Amino acid sequence: MATSPPCIENLLGPKLSQRATITLTSPAAALRWSEYEAPKTSIIVNVFTALDVVETIKYCNQYSLKFLAQAGGHGWGITWSLGENDVVINLRGLNTVEVNKAEGTATIGGGTIVKEIVDELFANEMHVVSGGCNCVGTGFLFGGGLGRLMGEYGLGIDNLLSADLVTASGELITVTPTSPSEDLWWALRGAGHNFGVVTSYVVKAYPWINGGVHWSGSVVFTGDRVRDVTKAIDKLKFQKPMSIHYYFVVDPSSGQPVIIVNPYYAGKAEDARIAFKPIFDLNPVVDATRPTPWDELNVDGDAFCAKGGRKVAYTSGLKKLDPGAFENIWNAYVAFINEHGVDKVGQSAILVECYSYISARAVEYTSTSFPHRDVDFQAVVLSWHNDSALDRAAEEFGDYVRKQWIATSRQHREHAYINFARGDEPLDAIYGESWRIRKLTTIKSKWDPNGKFGQYFPIPTRH
């Protein structure tokens, strides 16, 4: 049993709500999706109300403890600095979703994961912009909010109406476009992890498209088609209803690496097949696309929700998919799998998320802290294994892939979407141009001058 800071159960416990609990454990990667470079603490406060968060932050401040608030626990960066006696604030008890169909809004608790949001919205015949993984939490939205429906409605942050959050001093406030804290409103939408613990937020909700039945599924190609597939996706005109998830994965039935294109269309199957004709013209070996209810679109990715294991990730935002670079990456991926074995690294994958940015780019570029509206593709390489002895090989592989992307991305600077970033990137790759970093630093110095929210890609507190 771990040794806790001074009387945490006696001093903090009585101030928490009836359902809240304090868990003391041996230092571990508490509730995290990945154990690689994860924060290891021995204290978890399981909160159920916003005031639980307030009291926990005040307690941590009083005893000079670092803290990390999390819901899904998916952040895979390497910027953590928690110690054994620091605190994880587990937000999962704040998992509420209230839909107001008349007003076209959804009020979502800060501990809610994507599946819970999707299920409740679907039950009310509504949509919101949500992530492509069922088990991620609130960080998805406040890092920007990429998702399949962003072509129709914009980024997740473009649909945010208000947020209740606890500040670094332990004050519960509501932030809106017209609140006195308008500088915080700007910062929250794209860099929210650095400015507070969101306990609840309100987003726009929209009526079903096509009765809630959309179109998606796997289209499979062999590795010799990597150049053709990459070129076709790069040249595809992504209209509002369209997106693609482009994968290199190991086929579990054959144990061999394959290329999978997962197209998505918010509408009818016949319209979808016309929109994605350049993909089907390449004669895939498998076409498993089909009409799919909106609440089932993420199911195929549920295997990636498994917690634990060592997941080493690198990312880059791209303006172009270069066929030569992707052929190099395919060859490196196959070599990595063959060298280390399907049994050890077979869950490793390459993923490129390809969305329509039509609605996102209709929003003024400077109006939020999100700096990646000019990026067309978000690419991730994920090495997944259980043996720490493979960390070095995974890092070398990931670094090689990222360098291939950066060298051919046709960007004037590096781009790293914060929800996918590693933590070794230049600050401007994550937060954007120098003026953005200056503005974020000014806001940080006002709202969090001591860097309490500094676990996830920390923003400087002074110029």
Protein backbone atom coordinates (compact mmCIF):
# COMPACT_ATOMS: atom_id res chain seq x y z
CA MET A 1 0.00 0.00 0.00
CA ALA A 2 1.32 3.42 -0.95
CA THR A 3 2.07 6.16 1.56
CA SER A 4 -0.26 9.11 0.96
CA PRO A 5 0.37 12.83 1.41
CA PRO A 6 -0.69 14.26 4.77
CA CYS A 7 -4.03 12.73 5.74
CA ILE A 8 -5.54 12.82 2.24
CA GLU A 9 -8.35 10.52 3.29
CA ASN A 10 -9.04 12.47 6.48
CA LEU A 11 -8.59 15.98 5.09
CA LEU A 12 -9.93 15.65 1.55
CA GLY A 13 -12.31 12.72 1.99
CA PRO A 14 -14.93 14.54 4.12
CA LYS A 15 -15.11 17.36 1.58
CA LEU A 16 -16.02 15.05 -1.31
CA SER A 17 -19.49 13.95 -2.36
CA GLN A 18 -20.98 10.73 -1.04
CA ARG A 19 -20.07 8.63 -4.08
CA ALA A 20 -16.54 9.97 -4.49
CA THR A 21 -13.67 7.74 -3.39
CA ILE A 22 -9.92 7.93 -2.88
CA THR A 23 -7.91 4.96 -4.09
CA LEU A 24 -4.39 4.34 -2.78
CA THR A 25 -2.37 1.85 -4.77
CA SER A 26 1.17 0.91 -5.64
CA PRO A 27 2.61 3.34 -8.20
CA ALA A 28 1.26 2.30 -11.57
CA ALA A 29 0.20 3.69 -14.91
CA ALA A 30 -3.16 4.51 -13.37
CA LEU A 31 -6.06 3.79 -15.68
CA ARG A 32 -4.01 4.64 -18.77
CA TRP A 33 -4.46 3.34 -22.29
CA SER A 34 -0.70 2.91 -22.68
CA GLU A 35 1.94 2.01 -20.09
CA TYR A 36 4.76 3.45 -22.23
CA GLU A 37 6.14 6.61 -20.57
CA ALA A 38 2.85 6.85 -18.65
CA PRO A 39 2.41 8.91 -15.48
CA LYS A 40 2.81 6.64 -12.45
CA THR A 41 1.05 7.73 -9.29
CA SER A 42 -0.28 6.04 -6.18
CA ILE A 43 -3.31 8.26 -5.52
CA ILE A 44 -6.51 8.35 -7.55
CA VAL A 45 -9.44 10.56 -6.60
CA ASN A 46 -12.61 9.28 -8.25
CA VAL A 47 -14.88 12.32 -8.52
CA PHE A 48 -18.62 12.48 -9.14
CA THR A 49 -19.39 16.20 -8.96
CA ALA A 50 -17.79 19.43 -10.10
CA LEU A 51 -17.28 20.38 -6.45
CA ASP A 52 -15.28 17.17 -5.97
CA VAL A 53 -12.88 18.52 -8.59
CA VAL A 54 -12.78 21.91 -6.86
CA GLU A 55 -11.91 20.39 -3.50
CA THR A 56 -9.31 18.04 -4.98
CA ILE A 57 -7.47 20.83 -6.77
CA LYS A 58 -7.54 23.00 -3.65
CA TYR A 59 -6.11 20.12 -1.64
CA CYS A 60 -3.35 19.53 -4.20
CA ASN A 61 -2.50 23.22 -4.18
CA GLN A 62 -2.37 23.32 -0.39
CA TYR A 63 0.11 20.44 -0.23
CA SER A 64 2.06 21.34 -3.39
CA LEU A 65 1.00 18.19 -5.22
CA LYS A 66 0.88 17.87 -8.98
CA PHE A 67 -2.33 16.53 -10.48
CA LEU A 68 -3.69 15.17 -13.73
CA ALA A 69 -7.38 15.03 -14.62
CA GLN A 70 -8.39 12.32 -17.07
CA ALA A 71 -11.45 10.56 -18.45
CA GLY A 72 -10.45 8.14 -21.20
CA GLY A 73 -6.77 8.20 -20.23
CA HIS A 74 -5.68 7.94 -23.86
CA GLY A 75 -3.13 10.73 -24.13
CA TRP A 76 0.04 9.01 -25.33
CA GLY A 77 2.48 11.90 -25.01
CA ILE A 78 5.72 11.73 -23.02
CA THR A 79 5.43 15.07 -21.20
CA TRP A 80 4.21 13.73 -17.85
CA SER A 81 6.00 14.68 -14.62
CA LEU A 82 3.77 13.19 -11.91
CA GLY A 83 5.48 11.61 -8.92
CA GLU A 84 4.44 8.73 -6.68
CA ASN A 85 2.53 10.97 -4.26
CA ASP A 86 0.87 13.15 -6.88
CA VAL A 87 -2.79 12.79 -7.81
CA VAL A 88 -4.83 11.51 -10.73
CA ILE A 89 -8.34 13.00 -10.79
CA ASN A 90 -10.50 10.33 -12.41
CA LEU A 91 -13.40 12.13 -14.10
CA ARG A 92 -15.30 9.04 -15.26
CA GLY A 93 -18.00 9.61 -12.65
CA LEU A 94 -19.00 12.77 -14.54
CA ASN A 95 -20.42 10.74 -17.43
CA THR A 96 -23.75 12.38 -18.17
CA VAL A 97 -25.33 13.33 -21.50
CA GLU A 98 -28.47 15.46 -21.72
CA VAL A 99 -29.97 16.15 -25.14
CA ASN A 100 -32.24 19.11 -25.81
CA LYS A 101 -33.78 18.43 -29.21
CA ALA A 102 -35.78 21.66 -29.22
CA GLU A 103 -32.69 23.81 -28.74
CA GLY A 104 -30.36 21.55 -30.72
CA THR A 105 -27.85 21.08 -27.91
CA ALA A 106 -26.20 18.37 -25.86
CA THR A 107 -24.84 18.95 -22.36
CA ILE A 108 -22.03 16.50 -21.69
CA GLY A 109 -20.22 15.67 -18.46
CA GLY A 110 -16.45 16.02 -18.42
CA GLY A 111 -15.94 12.30 -17.76
CA THR A 112 -18.04 11.05 -20.65
CA ILE A 113 -16.43 8.94 -23.36
CA VAL A 114 -17.35 8.97 -27.04
CA LYS A 115 -19.51 5.83 -26.99
CA GLU A 116 -21.70 7.24 -24.24
CA ILE A 117 -22.15 10.45 -26.22
CA VAL A 118 -22.94 8.66 -29.46
CA ASP A 119 -25.41 6.23 -27.85
CA GLU A 120 -27.43 8.96 -26.14
CA LEU A 121 -27.47 11.22 -29.20
CA PHE A 122 -28.48 8.33 -31.43
CA ALA A 123 -31.31 7.40 -29.05
CA ASN A 124 -32.58 10.96 -29.53
CA GLU A 125 -32.20 10.85 -33.33
CA MET A 126 -29.44 13.46 -33.24
CA HIS A 127 -25.77 13.79 -34.21
CA VAL A 128 -22.77 15.66 -32.82
CA VAL A 129 -19.20 15.87 -34.05
CA SER A 130 -17.52 13.03 -32.15
CA GLY A 131 -14.28 11.09 -32.28
CA GLY A 132 -13.62 7.93 -34.25
CA CYS A 133 -12.70 5.89 -31.16
CA ASN A 134 -15.40 4.86 -28.67
CA CYS A 135 -13.25 5.08 -25.56
CA VAL A 136 -11.64 8.53 -25.73
CA GLY A 137 -12.78 11.29 -23.40
CA THR A 138 -13.18 15.04 -23.18
CA GLY A 139 -9.65 15.78 -24.38
CA PHE A 140 -10.80 14.83 -27.88
CA LEU A 141 -12.90 17.97 -28.09
CA PHE A 142 -10.66 20.50 -26.38
CA GLY A 143 -7.66 19.58 -28.51
CA GLY A 144 -9.69 20.48 -31.60
CA GLY A 145 -12.19 17.70 -32.17
CA LEU A 146 -11.49 15.92 -35.45
CA GLY A 147 -14.25 13.54 -36.51
CA ARG A 148 -16.20 12.08 -39.40
CA LEU A 149 -18.95 14.71 -39.30
CA MET A 150 -16.61 17.70 -39.31
CA GLY A 151 -17.17 18.09 -43.04
CA GLU A 152 -20.82 18.81 -42.30
CA TYR A 153 -20.50 20.79 -39.08
CA GLY A 154 -16.89 21.85 -38.54
CA LEU A 155 -14.46 20.81 -35.84
CA GLY A 156 -15.72 19.77 -32.44
CA ILE A 157 -14.53 23.11 -31.02
CA ASP A 158 -16.52 24.96 -33.69
CA ASN A 159 -19.66 23.46 -32.13
CA LEU A 160 -18.80 24.29 -28.52
CA LEU A 161 -21.28 26.67 -26.86
CA SER A 162 -20.04 26.79 -23.27
CA ALA A 163 -17.85 24.97 -20.76
CA ASP A 164 -17.91 24.67 -16.99
CA LEU A 165 -14.37 24.27 -15.71
CA VAL A 166 -12.29 24.39 -12.58
CA THR A 167 -9.38 26.82 -12.76
CA ALA A 168 -5.88 26.36 -11.38
CA SER A 169 -6.92 28.14 -8.17
CA GLY A 170 -9.87 25.81 -7.67
CA GLU A 171 -12.62 28.15 -8.85
CA LEU A 172 -15.59 26.74 -10.79
CA ILE A 173 -16.49 29.06 -13.67
CA THR A 174 -18.54 28.98 -16.86
CA VAL A 175 -16.80 30.06 -20.05
CA THR A 176 -18.79 31.22 -23.09
CA PRO A 177 -18.11 33.40 -26.15
CA THR A 178 -19.58 36.39 -24.28
CA SER A 179 -18.27 35.74 -20.77
CA PRO A 180 -15.68 38.10 -19.22
CA SER A 181 -13.11 35.34 -19.72
CA GLU A 182 -13.16 35.63 -23.51
CA ASP A 183 -9.40 35.10 -23.69
CA LEU A 184 -9.91 31.75 -21.98
CA TRP A 185 -12.66 30.91 -24.48
CA TRP A 186 -10.13 31.37 -27.30
CA ALA A 187 -7.49 29.23 -25.57
CA LEU A 188 -9.84 26.40 -24.61
CA ARG A 189 -10.71 25.70 -28.23
CA GLY A 190 -7.58 23.88 -29.30
CA ALA A 191 -5.32 24.05 -26.23
CA GLY A 192 -7.86 23.30 -23.52
CA HIS A 193 -5.73 20.74 -21.67
CA ASN A 194 -3.56 23.58 -20.35
CA PHE A 195 -6.24 25.80 -18.88
CA GLY A 196 -8.60 23.91 -16.59
CA VAL A 197 -10.52 20.78 -15.76
CA VAL A 198 -13.73 20.74 -17.78
CA THR A 199 -16.56 19.29 -15.68
CA SER A 200 -19.35 19.87 -18.22
CA TYR A 201 -19.76 21.39 -21.65
CA VAL A 202 -22.51 22.20 -24.14
CA VAL A 203 -22.26 21.54 -27.88
CA LYS A 204 -24.51 21.92 -30.88
CA ALA A 205 -26.51 18.82 -31.80
CA TYR A 206 -28.07 18.17 -35.19
CA PRO A 207 -30.97 16.06 -36.51
CA TRP A 208 -30.14 12.68 -38.03
CA ILE A 209 -28.78 12.53 -41.54
CA ASN A 210 -30.49 9.84 -43.65
CA GLY A 211 -32.41 8.50 -40.69
CA GLY A 212 -29.20 7.84 -38.78
CA VAL A 213 -27.99 5.30 -41.34
CA HIS A 214 -24.66 6.26 -42.92
CA TRP A 215 -22.23 4.21 -45.02
CA SER A 216 -18.83 2.78 -44.20
CA GLY A 217 -16.74 -0.40 -44.02
CA SER A 218 -13.37 -1.87 -44.93
CA VAL A 219 -11.87 -1.89 -48.42
CA VAL A 220 -8.77 -4.09 -48.50
CA PHE A 221 -5.76 -3.97 -50.83
CA THR A 222 -2.52 -5.90 -51.02
CA GLY A 223 0.75 -4.10 -50.38
CA ASP A 224 1.73 -3.86 -54.03
CA ARG A 225 -1.06 -1.27 -54.48
CA VAL A 226 0.32 1.16 -51.91
CA ARG A 227 1.35 3.80 -54.44
CA ASP A 228 -1.96 3.63 -56.30
CA VAL A 229 -4.05 3.77 -53.13
CA THR A 230 -2.04 6.66 -51.70
CA LYS A 231 -2.29 8.63 -54.93
CA ALA A 232 -6.05 8.05 -55.19
CA ILE A 233 -6.69 9.26 -51.64
CA ASP A 234 -4.40 12.26 -52.09
CA LYS A 235 -6.28 13.37 -55.20
CA LEU A 236 -9.76 12.65 -53.85
CA LYS A 237 -12.00 15.70 -53.42
CA PHE A 238 -13.42 15.31 -49.91
CA GLN A 239 -16.90 16.77 -49.97
CA LYS A 240 -18.85 17.48 -46.77
CA PRO A 241 -20.25 13.96 -46.19
CA MET A 242 -16.90 12.21 -46.79
CA SER A 243 -13.93 10.96 -44.83
CA ILE A 244 -11.40 8.12 -44.97
CA HIS A 245 -9.33 6.29 -42.40
CA TYR A 246 -6.33 4.80 -44.23
CA TYR A 247 -4.51 1.95 -42.45
CA PHE A 248 -1.56 -0.37 -42.65
CA VAL A 249 -2.42 -3.24 -40.29
CA VAL A 250 -1.86 -6.95 -39.81
CA ASP A 251 -4.81 -9.04 -40.97
CA PRO A 252 -5.65 -11.23 -37.95
CA SER A 253 -6.86 -14.10 -40.13
CA SER A 254 -3.73 -14.38 -42.29
CA GLY A 255 -1.13 -12.78 -40.04
CA GLN A 256 0.04 -10.70 -43.01
CA PRO A 257 0.22 -6.90 -43.35
CA VAL A 258 -2.53 -5.42 -45.53
CA ILE A 259 -3.76 -2.02 -46.62
CA ILE A 260 -7.23 -1.04 -45.44
CA VAL A 261 -9.18 1.98 -46.62
CA ASN A 262 -12.18 2.74 -44.43
CA PRO A 263 -14.34 5.24 -46.32
CA TYR A 264 -17.25 7.01 -44.65
CA TYR A 265 -20.21 8.83 -46.13
CA ALA A 266 -22.96 10.66 -44.23
CA GLY A 267 -25.74 9.62 -46.56
CA LYS A 268 -26.95 6.99 -48.98
CA ALA A 269 -24.90 4.06 -50.25
CA GLU A 270 -25.44 4.89 -53.92
CA ASP A 271 -24.12 8.42 -53.41
CA ALA A 272 -21.19 7.08 -51.42
CA ARG A 273 -20.06 4.69 -54.13
CA ILE A 274 -20.05 7.52 -56.64
CA ALA A 275 -18.07 9.77 -54.28
CA PHE A 276 -15.45 7.07 -53.66
CA LYS A 277 -15.31 5.71 -57.22
CA PRO A 278 -11.53 6.36 -57.54
CA ILE A 279 -10.97 3.95 -54.64
CA PHE A 280 -13.19 1.20 -56.02
CA ASP A 281 -11.65 1.59 -59.47
CA LEU A 282 -8.45 0.13 -57.96
CA ASN A 283 -10.17 -3.28 -57.65
CA PRO A 284 -9.80 -4.07 -53.95
CA VAL A 285 -9.51 -7.70 -52.87
CA VAL A 286 -12.24 -7.13 -50.28
CA ASP A 287 -15.14 -4.67 -50.27
CA ALA A 288 -17.02 -4.81 -46.97
CA THR A 289 -18.69 -1.40 -47.20
CA ARG A 290 -22.34 -1.26 -46.22
CA PRO A 291 -25.05 1.01 -44.81
CA THR A 292 -24.20 1.41 -41.12
CA PRO A 293 -26.11 3.05 -38.26
CA TRP A 294 -24.22 6.06 -36.93
CA ASP A 295 -23.90 4.52 -33.47
CA GLU A 296 -22.06 1.48 -34.91
CA LEU A 297 -19.44 3.30 -36.97
CA ASN A 298 -16.70 3.05 -34.33
CA VAL A 299 -17.24 -0.62 -33.49
CA ASP A 300 -14.51 -1.92 -35.81
CA GLY A 301 -11.97 0.12 -33.88
CA ASP A 302 -12.91 -1.19 -30.44
CA ALA A 303 -9.89 -3.51 -30.39
CA PHE A 304 -7.74 -0.38 -30.13
CA CYS A 305 -9.52 0.56 -26.89
CA ALA A 306 -7.74 -2.14 -24.88
CA LYS A 307 -5.90 -0.54 -21.97
CA GLY A 308 -2.35 -1.48 -21.07
CA GLY A 309 0.54 -2.56 -23.23
CA ARG A 310 3.20 -0.25 -24.56
CA LYS A 311 2.02 2.01 -27.38
CA VAL A 312 4.70 4.18 -28.96
CA ALA A 313 3.22 6.83 -31.24
CA TYR A 314 4.53 9.51 -33.61
CA THR A 315 2.48 11.88 -35.74
CA SER A 316 2.57 14.48 -38.47
CA GLY A 317 -0.02 16.68 -40.13
CA LEU A 318 0.26 16.60 -43.91
CA LYS A 319 -0.83 18.68 -46.87
CA LYS A 320 -0.01 15.89 -49.31
CA LEU A 321 0.22 12.09 -49.30
CA ASP A 322 3.38 11.25 -51.21
CA PRO A 323 3.18 7.82 -52.93
CA GLY A 324 6.94 7.27 -52.72
CA ALA A 325 7.06 8.08 -49.02
CA PHE A 326 4.14 5.75 -48.32
CA GLU A 327 5.81 2.97 -50.26
CA ASN A 328 8.89 3.46 -48.06
CA ILE A 329 6.70 3.44 -44.97
CA TRP A 330 4.88 0.29 -46.10
CA ASN A 331 8.18 -1.49 -46.62
CA ALA A 332 9.43 -0.34 -43.21
CA TYR A 333 6.18 -1.47 -41.58
CA VAL A 334 6.40 -4.94 -43.14
CA ALA A 335 10.05 -5.22 -42.10
CA PHE A 336 9.21 -4.15 -38.53
CA ILE A 337 6.47 -6.78 -38.27
CA ASN A 338 8.63 -9.51 -39.80
CA GLU A 339 11.69 -8.72 -37.67
CA HIS A 340 9.92 -8.66 -34.32
CA GLY A 341 7.06 -11.04 -35.00
CA VAL A 342 3.30 -10.80 -35.33
CA ASP A 343 2.95 -12.26 -31.84
CA LYS A 344 4.94 -9.36 -30.36
CA VAL A 345 4.17 -6.31 -32.52
CA GLY A 346 1.25 -7.47 -34.67
CA GLN A 347 -1.15 -4.87 -33.28
CA SER A 348 1.07 -2.05 -34.54
CA ALA A 349 -0.47 0.14 -37.23
CA ILE A 350 -0.14 3.13 -39.50
CA LEU A 351 -3.21 5.39 -39.64
CA VAL A 352 -4.01 8.46 -41.72
CA GLU A 353 -7.22 10.32 -40.92
CA CYS A 354 -8.56 12.10 -44.00
CA TYR A 355 -11.47 14.51 -43.51
CA SER A 356 -13.38 17.16 -45.35
CA TYR A 357 -12.28 20.56 -44.04
CA ILE A 358 -14.93 22.55 -45.92
CA SER A 359 -16.89 23.61 -42.82
CA ALA A 360 -13.80 23.86 -40.60
CA ARG A 361 -12.19 26.31 -43.01
CA ALA A 362 -15.33 28.43 -43.11
CA VAL A 363 -14.42 29.42 -39.53
CA GLU A 364 -11.96 32.30 -39.20
CA TYR A 365 -8.45 30.83 -38.83
CA THR A 366 -7.49 33.16 -35.98
CA SER A 367 -10.73 32.78 -33.99
CA THR A 368 -9.57 29.76 -31.96
CA SER A 369 -6.26 28.44 -30.66
CA PHE A 370 -6.44 25.42 -32.99
CA PRO A 371 -3.59 25.91 -35.52
CA HIS A 372 -4.15 23.07 -38.02
CA ARG A 373 -7.09 24.10 -40.23
CA ASP A 374 -4.76 24.18 -43.23
CA VAL A 375 -3.77 20.51 -42.75
CA ASP A 376 -5.49 17.93 -44.97
CA PHE A 377 -4.32 14.65 -43.43
CA GLN A 378 -3.45 13.62 -39.86
CA ALA A 379 -1.01 10.69 -39.84
CA VAL A 380 -0.05 8.44 -36.91
CA VAL A 381 2.35 5.52 -36.57
CA LEU A 382 1.60 3.35 -33.54
CA SER A 383 3.88 0.55 -32.37
CA TRP A 384 2.09 -1.70 -29.89
CA HIS A 385 3.93 -4.27 -27.80
CA ASN A 386 4.21 -5.56 -24.23
CA ASP A 387 7.97 -5.91 -23.79
CA SER A 388 9.91 -2.79 -22.79
CA ALA A 389 12.93 -4.30 -24.54
CA LEU A 390 11.18 -3.42 -27.81
CA ASP A 391 10.79 0.27 -26.94
CA ARG A 392 14.00 1.29 -28.70
CA ALA A 393 13.09 -0.51 -31.93
CA ALA A 394 9.60 1.00 -31.80
CA GLU A 395 11.04 4.49 -31.32
CA GLU A 396 13.43 4.08 -34.24
CA PHE A 397 10.63 2.82 -36.47
CA GLY A 398 8.28 5.63 -35.44
CA ASP A 399 10.94 8.29 -35.91
CA TYR A 400 11.73 6.97 -39.40
CA VAL A 401 8.08 7.07 -40.43
CA ARG A 402 7.58 10.58 -39.08
CA LYS A 403 10.66 11.82 -40.95
CA GLN A 404 9.25 10.39 -44.18
CA TRP A 405 6.04 12.33 -43.63
CA ILE A 406 7.72 15.59 -42.68
CA ALA A 407 10.07 15.45 -45.66
CA THR A 408 7.17 15.15 -48.11
CA SER A 409 4.34 16.99 -46.33
CA ARG A 410 4.61 20.24 -48.34
CA GLN A 411 4.11 22.30 -45.19
CA HIS A 412 6.08 25.42 -44.28
CA ARG A 413 6.42 24.08 -40.72
CA GLU A 414 5.80 20.86 -38.84
CA HIS A 415 2.26 20.10 -37.68
CA ALA A 416 1.41 17.83 -34.75
CA TYR A 417 -2.23 17.64 -33.67
CA ILE A 418 -2.07 17.80 -29.87
CA ASN A 419 -4.30 14.76 -29.39
CA PHE A 420 -1.86 12.68 -31.46
CA ALA A 421 1.43 14.38 -30.53
CA ARG A 422 4.38 12.70 -28.84
CA GLY A 423 6.06 15.52 -26.92
CA ASP A 424 9.42 15.81 -28.66
CA GLU A 425 8.10 18.13 -31.38
CA PRO A 426 8.89 21.85 -31.59
CA LEU A 427 6.34 23.92 -29.67
CA ASP A 428 5.13 25.59 -32.86
CA ALA A 429 4.36 22.18 -34.39
CA ILE A 430 1.73 21.69 -31.69
CA TYR A 431 0.51 25.23 -30.98
CA GLY A 432 1.18 27.02 -34.24
CA GLU A 433 2.76 30.27 -35.29
CA SER A 434 4.75 32.47 -32.93
CA TRP A 435 1.84 34.87 -32.42
CA ARG A 436 -0.31 31.99 -31.20
CA ILE A 437 2.34 30.85 -28.73
CA ARG A 438 2.75 34.42 -27.44
CA LYS A 439 -1.01 34.75 -26.98
CA LEU A 440 -1.31 31.36 -25.27
CA THR A 441 1.59 32.25 -22.97
CA THR A 442 -0.09 35.52 -21.99
CA ILE A 443 -3.36 33.72 -21.23
CA LYS A 444 -1.50 30.98 -19.36
CA SER A 445 0.29 33.54 -17.18
CA LYS A 446 -3.11 35.01 -16.26
CA TRP A 447 -5.11 31.84 -15.60
CA ASP A 448 -2.41 29.37 -14.56
CA PRO A 449 0.73 31.33 -13.60
CA ASN A 450 2.23 28.43 -11.66
CA GLY A 451 1.71 25.86 -14.40
CA LYS A 452 -0.67 23.61 -12.47
CA PHE A 453 -2.09 22.33 -15.75
CA GLY A 454 1.30 21.39 -17.09
CA GLN A 455 1.20 17.66 -17.61
CA TYR A 456 0.05 17.58 -21.22
CA PHE A 457 2.28 19.52 -23.64
CA PRO A 458 2.84 22.41 -21.22
CA ILE A 459 2.55 25.97 -22.45
CA PRO A 460 5.09 28.43 -20.99
CA THR A 461 3.82 30.63 -18.18
CA ARG A 462 6.00 33.59 -19.13
CA HIS A 463 7.52 35.09 -22.25
